[in-house]
Amino acid sequence: MSVANAITSLRLCSALDWRQYVESVSLVEQVLQRDPAGAYGRMDFLSRDRQRQAVEELAALTSATRRCGSR
C-alpha cells in the first residue's frame, strides 16, 4: 500500500507545473511583478528566476547582517 501511495505521489509531482507553482507562491515574485516598466513580466522564466534568486540572496544577507547587529 505505501509503495502504491509513493508512486501516486510521484506521478502527481511530475504532473505539476513547478514553474507556475514557484511563481504563484513567491512573495518576491509578487513584488517584482509590480515593475512599473513591465520589464520583469516580459522576461522568460529563467531570467525571472535569476532575478528572484538575487533578491532572495540580498534579503538573506540583509537579515543576517541585522541579526549580527551590524549596519
PDB file of N, CA and C in Angstrom:
ATOM      1  N   MET A   1       0.818  -1.191   0.000  1.00  0.00           N
ATOM      2  CA  MET A   1       0.000   0.000   0.000  1.00  0.00           C
ATOM      3  C   MET A   1       0.862   1.255   0.000  1.00  0.00           C
ATOM      4  N   SER A   2       1.893   1.298   0.840  1.00  0.00           N
ATOM      5  CA  SER A   2       2.722   2.501   0.891  1.00  0.00           C
ATOM      6  C   SER A   2       3.499   2.709  -0.400  1.00  0.00           C
ATOM      7  N   VAL A   3       3.882   1.626  -1.076  1.00  0.00           N
ATOM      8  CA  VAL A   3       4.564   1.761  -2.371  1.00  0.00           C
ATOM      9  C   VAL A   3       3.602   2.370  -3.388  1.00  0.00           C
ATOM     10  N   ALA A   4       2.370   1.925  -3.375  1.00  0.00           N
ATOM     11  CA  ALA A   4       1.367   2.474  -4.298  1.00  0.00           C
ATOM     12  C   ALA A   4       1.149   3.960  -4.023  1.00  0.00           C
ATOM     13  N   ASN A   5       1.091   4.339  -2.751  1.00  0.00           N
ATOM     14  CA  ASN A   5       0.927   5.752  -2.402  1.00  0.00           C
ATOM     15  C   ASN A   5       2.127   6.570  -2.856  1.00  0.00           C
ATOM     16  N   ALA A   6       3.317   6.011  -2.701  1.00  0.00           N
ATOM     17  CA  ALA A   6       4.523   6.720  -3.134  1.00  0.00           C
ATOM     18  C   ALA A   6       4.512   6.930  -4.642  1.00  0.00           C
ATOM     19  N   ILE A   7       4.114   5.914  -5.384  1.00  0.00           N
ATOM     20  CA  ILE A   7       4.061   6.029  -6.848  1.00  0.00           C
ATOM     21  C   ILE A   7       3.018   7.068  -7.255  1.00  0.00           C
ATOM     22  N   THR A   8       1.874   7.047  -6.598  1.00  0.00           N
ATOM     23  CA  THR A   8       0.834   8.041  -6.891  1.00  0.00           C
ATOM     24  C   THR A   8       1.338   9.450  -6.599  1.00  0.00           C
ATOM     25  N   SER A   9       2.042   9.608  -5.491  1.00  0.00           N
ATOM     26  CA  SER A   9       2.591  10.925  -5.139  1.00  0.00           C
ATOM     27  C   SER A   9       3.618  11.383  -6.158  1.00  0.00           C
ATOM     28  N   LEU A  10       4.480  10.474  -6.599  1.00  0.00           N
ATOM     29  CA  LEU A  10       5.487  10.828  -7.607  1.00  0.00           C
ATOM     30  C   LEU A  10       4.831  11.220  -8.925  1.00  0.00           C
ATOM     31  N   ARG A  11       3.771  10.537  -9.286  1.00  0.00           N
ATOM     32  CA  ARG A  11       3.049  10.893 -10.520  1.00  0.00           C
ATOM     33  C   ARG A  11       2.455  12.293 -10.404  1.00  0.00           C
ATOM     34  N   LEU A  12       1.903  12.605  -9.240  1.00  0.00           N
ATOM     35  CA  LEU A  12       1.352  13.937  -9.019  1.00  0.00           C
ATOM     36  C   LEU A  12       2.447  14.990  -9.118  1.00  0.00           C
ATOM     37  N   CYS A  13       3.589  14.708  -8.502  1.00  0.00           N
ATOM     38  CA  CYS A  13       4.716  15.658  -8.547  1.00  0.00           C
ATOM     39  C   CYS A  13       5.182  15.903  -9.975  1.00  0.00           C
ATOM     40  N   SER A  14       5.211  14.859 -10.775  1.00  0.00           N
ATOM     41  CA  SER A  14       5.673  15.031 -12.155  1.00  0.00           C
ATOM     42  C   SER A  14       4.642  15.751 -13.013  1.00  0.00           C
ATOM     43  N   ALA A  15       3.369  15.715 -12.598  1.00  0.00           N
ATOM     44  CA  ALA A  15       2.315  16.364 -13.373  1.00  0.00           C
ATOM     45  C   ALA A  15       2.200  17.860 -13.069  1.00  0.00           C
ATOM     46  N   LEU A  16       2.755  18.299 -11.938  1.00  0.00           N
ATOM     47  CA  LEU A  16       2.653  19.712 -11.568  1.00  0.00           C
ATOM     48  C   LEU A  16       3.529  20.584 -12.458  1.00  0.00           C
ATOM     49  N   ASP A  17       3.054  21.772 -12.734  1.00  0.00           N
ATOM     50  CA  ASP A  17       3.858  22.769 -13.434  1.00  0.00           C
ATOM     51  C   ASP A  17       4.626  23.536 -12.358  1.00  0.00           C
ATOM     52  N   TRP A  18       5.856  23.090 -12.079  1.00  0.00           N
ATOM     53  CA  TRP A  18       6.627  23.641 -10.971  1.00  0.00           C
ATOM     54  C   TRP A  18       6.979  25.102 -11.178  1.00  0.00           C
ATOM     55  N   ARG A  19       7.183  25.503 -12.417  1.00  0.00           N
ATOM     56  CA  ARG A  19       7.483  26.912 -12.690  1.00  0.00           C
ATOM     57  C   ARG A  19       6.312  27.790 -12.264  1.00  0.00           C
ATOM     58  N   GLN A  20       5.123  27.376 -12.651  1.00  0.00           N
ATOM     59  CA  GLN A  20       3.932  28.141 -12.289  1.00  0.00           C
ATOM     60  C   GLN A  20       3.742  28.131 -10.776  1.00  0.00           C
ATOM     61  N   TYR A  21       3.984  26.982 -10.151  1.00  0.00           N
ATOM     62  CA  TYR A  21       3.823  26.884  -8.700  1.00  0.00           C
ATOM     63  C   TYR A  21       4.774  27.833  -7.978  1.00  0.00           C
ATOM     64  N   VAL A  22       6.052  27.824  -8.366  1.00  0.00           N
ATOM     65  CA  VAL A  22       7.048  28.686  -7.722  1.00  0.00           C
ATOM     66  C   VAL A  22       6.638  30.143  -7.833  1.00  0.00           C
ATOM     67  N   GLU A  23       6.223  30.539  -9.022  1.00  0.00           N
ATOM     68  CA  GLU A  23       5.840  31.928  -9.219  1.00  0.00           C
ATOM     69  C   GLU A  23       4.557  32.285  -8.466  1.00  0.00           C
ATOM     70  N   SER A  24       3.690  31.326  -8.246  1.00  0.00           N
ATOM     71  CA  SER A  24       2.426  31.636  -7.561  1.00  0.00           C
ATOM     72  C   SER A  24       2.588  31.770  -6.048  1.00  0.00           C
ATOM     73  N   VAL A  25       3.614  31.150  -5.474  1.00  0.00           N
ATOM     74  CA  VAL A  25       3.781  31.203  -4.014  1.00  0.00           C
ATOM     75  C   VAL A  25       4.900  32.148  -3.566  1.00  0.00           C
ATOM     76  N   SER A  26       5.666  32.677  -4.493  1.00  0.00           N
ATOM     77  CA  SER A  26       6.808  33.526  -4.149  1.00  0.00           C
ATOM     78  C   SER A  26       6.374  34.956  -3.817  1.00  0.00           C
ATOM     79  N   LEU A  27       6.707  35.396  -2.617  1.00  0.00           N
ATOM     80  CA  LEU A  27       6.433  36.790  -2.236  1.00  0.00           C
ATOM     81  C   LEU A  27       7.296  37.746  -3.055  1.00  0.00           C
ATOM     82  N   VAL A  28       8.517  37.348  -3.338  1.00  0.00           N
ATOM     83  CA  VAL A  28       9.410  38.179  -4.154  1.00  0.00           C
ATOM     84  C   VAL A  28       8.806  38.354  -5.549  1.00  0.00           C
ATOM     85  N   GLU A  29       8.250  37.290  -6.097  1.00  0.00           N
ATOM     86  CA  GLU A  29       7.612  37.354  -7.422  1.00  0.00           C
ATOM     87  C   GLU A  29       6.493  38.389  -7.429  1.00  0.00           C
ATOM     88  N   GLN A  30       5.687  38.403  -6.396  1.00  0.00           N
ATOM     89  CA  GLN A  30       4.574  39.345  -6.325  1.00  0.00           C
ATOM     90  C   GLN A  30       5.069  40.789  -6.357  1.00  0.00           C
ATOM     91  N   VAL A  31       6.168  41.063  -5.681  1.00  0.00           N
ATOM     92  CA  VAL A  31       6.719  42.422  -5.664  1.00  0.00           C
ATOM     93  C   VAL A  31       7.327  42.759  -7.022  1.00  0.00           C
ATOM     94  N   LEU A  32       8.110  41.831  -7.573  1.00  0.00           N
ATOM     95  CA  LEU A  32       8.775  42.110  -8.850  1.00  0.00           C
ATOM     96  C   LEU A  32       7.769  42.279  -9.988  1.00  0.00           C
ATOM     97  N   GLN A  33       6.632  41.620  -9.914  1.00  0.00           N
ATOM     98  CA  GLN A  33       5.604  41.764 -10.958  1.00  0.00           C
ATOM     99  C   GLN A  33       5.015  43.173 -10.984  1.00  0.00           C
ATOM    100  N   ARG A  34       5.234  43.951  -9.930  1.00  0.00           N
ATOM    101  CA  ARG A  34       4.720  45.330  -9.892  1.00  0.00           C
ATOM    102  C   ARG A  34       5.648  46.317 -10.591  1.00  0.00           C
ATOM    103  N   ASP A  35       6.669  45.811 -11.273  1.00  0.00           N
ATOM    104  CA  ASP A  35       7.605  46.651 -12.016  1.00  0.00           C
ATOM    105  C   ASP A  35       6.828  47.590 -12.935  1.00  0.00           C
ATOM    106  N   PRO A  36       6.898  48.915 -12.686  1.00  0.00           N
ATOM    107  CA  PRO A  36       6.097  49.858 -13.479  1.00  0.00           C
ATOM    108  C   PRO A  36       6.412  49.832 -14.971  1.00  0.00           C
ATOM    109  N   ALA A  37       7.647  49.509 -15.326  1.00  0.00           N
ATOM    110  CA  ALA A  37       8.016  49.465 -16.743  1.00  0.00           C
ATOM    111  C   ALA A  37       7.580  48.158 -17.392  1.00  0.00           C
ATOM    112  N   GLY A  38       7.259  47.142 -16.584  1.00  0.00           N
ATOM    113  CA  GLY A  38       6.825  45.855 -17.122  1.00  0.00           C
ATOM    114  C   GLY A  38       7.939  44.979 -17.650  1.00  0.00           C
ATOM    115  N   ALA A  39       9.189  45.389 -17.439  1.00  0.00           N
ATOM    116  CA  ALA A  39      10.321  44.615 -17.965  1.00  0.00           C
ATOM    117  C   ALA A  39      10.396  43.227 -17.328  1.00  0.00           C
ATOM    118  N   TYR A  40      10.149  43.163 -16.036  1.00  0.00           N
ATOM    119  CA  TYR A  40      10.233  41.869 -15.345  1.00  0.00           C
ATOM    120  C   TYR A  40       9.223  40.878 -15.924  1.00  0.00           C
ATOM    121  N   GLY A  41       8.025  41.326 -16.135  1.00  0.00           N
ATOM    122  CA  GLY A  41       6.982  40.448 -16.666  1.00  0.00           C
ATOM    123  C   GLY A  41       7.248  39.962 -18.077  1.00  0.00           C
ATOM    124  N   ARG A  42       8.063  40.679 -18.834  1.00  0.00           N
ATOM    125  CA  ARG A  42       8.382  40.271 -20.204  1.00  0.00           C
ATOM    126  C   ARG A  42       9.557  39.303 -20.272  1.00  0.00           C
ATOM    127  N   MET A  43      10.253  39.105 -19.147  1.00  0.00           N
ATOM    128  CA  MET A  43      11.394  38.180 -19.138  1.00  0.00           C
ATOM    129  C   MET A  43      10.910  36.741 -19.255  1.00  0.00           C
ATOM    130  N   ASP A  44      11.804  35.868 -19.752  1.00  0.00           N
ATOM    131  CA  ASP A  44      11.474  34.446 -19.756  1.00  0.00           C
ATOM    132  C   ASP A  44      11.631  33.891 -18.338  1.00  0.00           C
ATOM    133  N   PHE A  45      11.177  32.673 -18.132  1.00  0.00           N
ATOM    134  CA  PHE A  45      11.174  32.105 -16.777  1.00  0.00           C
ATOM    135  C   PHE A  45      12.566  32.080 -16.166  1.00  0.00           C
ATOM    136  N   LEU A  46      13.568  31.638 -16.904  1.00  0.00           N
ATOM    137  CA  LEU A  46      14.915  31.528 -16.334  1.00  0.00           C
ATOM    138  C   LEU A  46      15.462  32.888 -15.901  1.00  0.00           C
ATOM    139  N   SER A  47      15.180  33.924 -16.669  1.00  0.00           N
ATOM    140  CA  SER A  47      15.626  35.271 -16.292  1.00  0.00           C
ATOM    141  C   SER A  47      14.897  35.750 -15.036  1.00  0.00           C
ATOM    142  N   ARG A  48      13.578  35.528 -14.989  1.00  0.00           N
ATOM    143  CA  ARG A  48      12.826  35.902 -13.792  1.00  0.00           C
ATOM    144  C   ARG A  48      13.327  35.123 -12.582  1.00  0.00           C
ATOM    145  N   ASP A  49      13.635  33.852 -12.779  1.00  0.00           N
ATOM    146  CA  ASP A  49      14.115  33.016 -11.686  1.00  0.00           C
ATOM    147  C   ASP A  49      15.442  33.546 -11.148  1.00  0.00           C
ATOM    148  N   ARG A  50      16.346  33.958 -12.038  1.00  0.00           N
ATOM    149  CA  ARG A  50      17.629  34.538 -11.596  1.00  0.00           C
ATOM    150  C   ARG A  50      17.405  35.834 -10.822  1.00  0.00           C
ATOM    151  N   GLN A  51      16.457  36.642 -11.284  1.00  0.00           N
ATOM    152  CA  GLN A  51      16.150  37.891 -10.580  1.00  0.00           C
ATOM    153  C   GLN A  51      15.598  37.602  -9.183  1.00  0.00           C
ATOM    154  N   ARG A  52      14.662  36.657  -9.102  1.00  0.00           N
ATOM    155  CA  ARG A  52      14.101  36.283  -7.793  1.00  0.00           C
ATOM    156  C   ARG A  52      15.188  35.797  -6.857  1.00  0.00           C
ATOM    157  N   GLN A  53      16.063  34.936  -7.357  1.00  0.00           N
ATOM    158  CA  GLN A  53      17.138  34.392  -6.522  1.00  0.00           C
ATOM    159  C   GLN A  53      18.077  35.485  -6.034  1.00  0.00           C
ATOM    160  N   ALA A  54      18.385  36.432  -6.895  1.00  0.00           N
ATOM    161  CA  ALA A  54      19.271  37.529  -6.499  1.00  0.00           C
ATOM    162  C   ALA A  54      18.636  38.358  -5.382  1.00  0.00           C
ATOM    163  N   VAL A  55      17.357  38.665  -5.508  1.00  0.00           N
ATOM    164  CA  VAL A  55      16.666  39.432  -4.473  1.00  0.00           C
ATOM    165  C   VAL A  55      16.607  38.630  -3.176  1.00  0.00           C
ATOM    166  N   GLU A  56      16.329  37.336  -3.266  1.00  0.00           N
ATOM    167  CA  GLU A  56      16.268  36.499  -2.069  1.00  0.00           C
ATOM    168  C   GLU A  56      17.625  36.424  -1.375  1.00  0.00           C
ATOM    169  N   GLU A  57      18.719  36.340  -2.157  1.00  0.00           N
ATOM    170  CA  GLU A  57      20.059  36.318  -1.572  1.00  0.00           C
ATOM    171  C   GLU A  57      20.370  37.636  -0.865  1.00  0.00           C
ATOM    172  N   LEU A  58      20.024  38.753  -1.501  1.00  0.00           N
ATOM    173  CA  LEU A  58      20.246  40.052  -0.865  1.00  0.00           C
ATOM    174  C   LEU A  58      19.440  40.182   0.425  1.00  0.00           C
ATOM    175  N   ALA A  59      18.213  39.702   0.393  1.00  0.00           N
ATOM    176  CA  ALA A  59      17.365  39.762   1.590  1.00  0.00           C
ATOM    177  C   ALA A  59      17.962  38.909   2.705  1.00  0.00           C
ATOM    178  N   ALA A  60      18.481  37.735   2.359  1.00  0.00           N
ATOM    179  CA  ALA A  60      19.085  36.861   3.366  1.00  0.00           C
ATOM    180  C   ALA A  60      20.327  37.512   3.967  1.00  0.00           C
ATOM    181  N   LEU A  61      21.141  38.135   3.121  1.00  0.00           N
ATOM    182  CA  LEU A  61      22.338  38.814   3.621  1.00  0.00           C
ATOM    183  C   LEU A  61      21.962  39.980   4.527  1.00  0.00           C
ATOM    184  N   THR A  62      20.943  40.717   4.149  1.00  0.00           N
ATOM    185  CA  THR A  62      20.498  41.852   4.935  1.00  0.00           C
ATOM    186  C   THR A  62      19.981  41.411   6.292  1.00  0.00           C
ATOM    187  N   SER A  63      19.170  40.362   6.309  1.00  0.00           N
ATOM    188  CA  SER A  63      18.629  39.900   7.591  1.00  0.00           C
ATOM    189  C   SER A  63      19.728  39.289   8.452  1.00  0.00           C
ATOM    190  N   ALA A  64      20.721  38.639   7.846  1.00  0.00           N
ATOM    191  CA  ALA A  64      21.835  38.078   8.604  1.00  0.00           C
ATOM    192  C   ALA A  64      22.659  39.199   9.223  1.00  0.00           C
ATOM    193  N   THR A  65      22.852  40.273   8.480  1.00  0.00           N
ATOM    194  CA  THR A  65      23.606  41.423   8.992  1.00  0.00           C
ATOM    195  C   THR A  65      22.866  42.065  10.162  1.00  0.00           C
ATOM    196  N   ARG A  66      21.562  42.177  10.033  1.00  0.00           N
ATOM    197  CA  ARG A  66      20.766  42.764  11.125  1.00  0.00           C
ATOM    198  C   ARG A  66      20.822  41.888  12.369  1.00  0.00           C
ATOM    199  N   ARG A  67      20.809  40.569  12.198  1.00  0.00           N
ATOM    200  CA  ARG A  67      20.870  39.675  13.358  1.00  0.00           C
ATOM    201  C   ARG A  67      22.197  39.806  14.081  1.00  0.00           C
ATOM    202  N   CYS A  68      23.258  40.128  13.351  1.00  0.00           N
ATOM    203  CA  CYS A  68      24.585  40.278  13.960  1.00  0.00           C
ATOM    204  C   CYS A  68      24.779  41.640  14.604  1.00  0.00           C
ATOM    205  N   GLY A  69      23.840  42.546  14.375  1.00  0.00           N
ATOM    206  CA  GLY A  69      23.930  43.872  14.979  1.00  0.00           C
ATOM    207  C   GLY A  69      24.710  44.867  14.159  1.00  0.00           C
ATOM    208  N   SER A  70      25.152  44.467  12.969  1.00  0.00           N
ATOM    209  CA  SER A  70      25.895  45.388  12.091  1.00  0.00           C
ATOM    210  C   SER A  70      24.914  46.169  11.237  1.00  0.00           C
ATOM    211  N   ARG A  71      25.375  47.306  10.760  1.00  0.00           N
ATOM    212  CA  ARG A  71      24.553  48.103   9.842  1.00  0.00           C
ATOM    213  C   ARG A  71      25.367  48.560   8.695  1.00  0.00           C
TER     214      ARG A  71
END
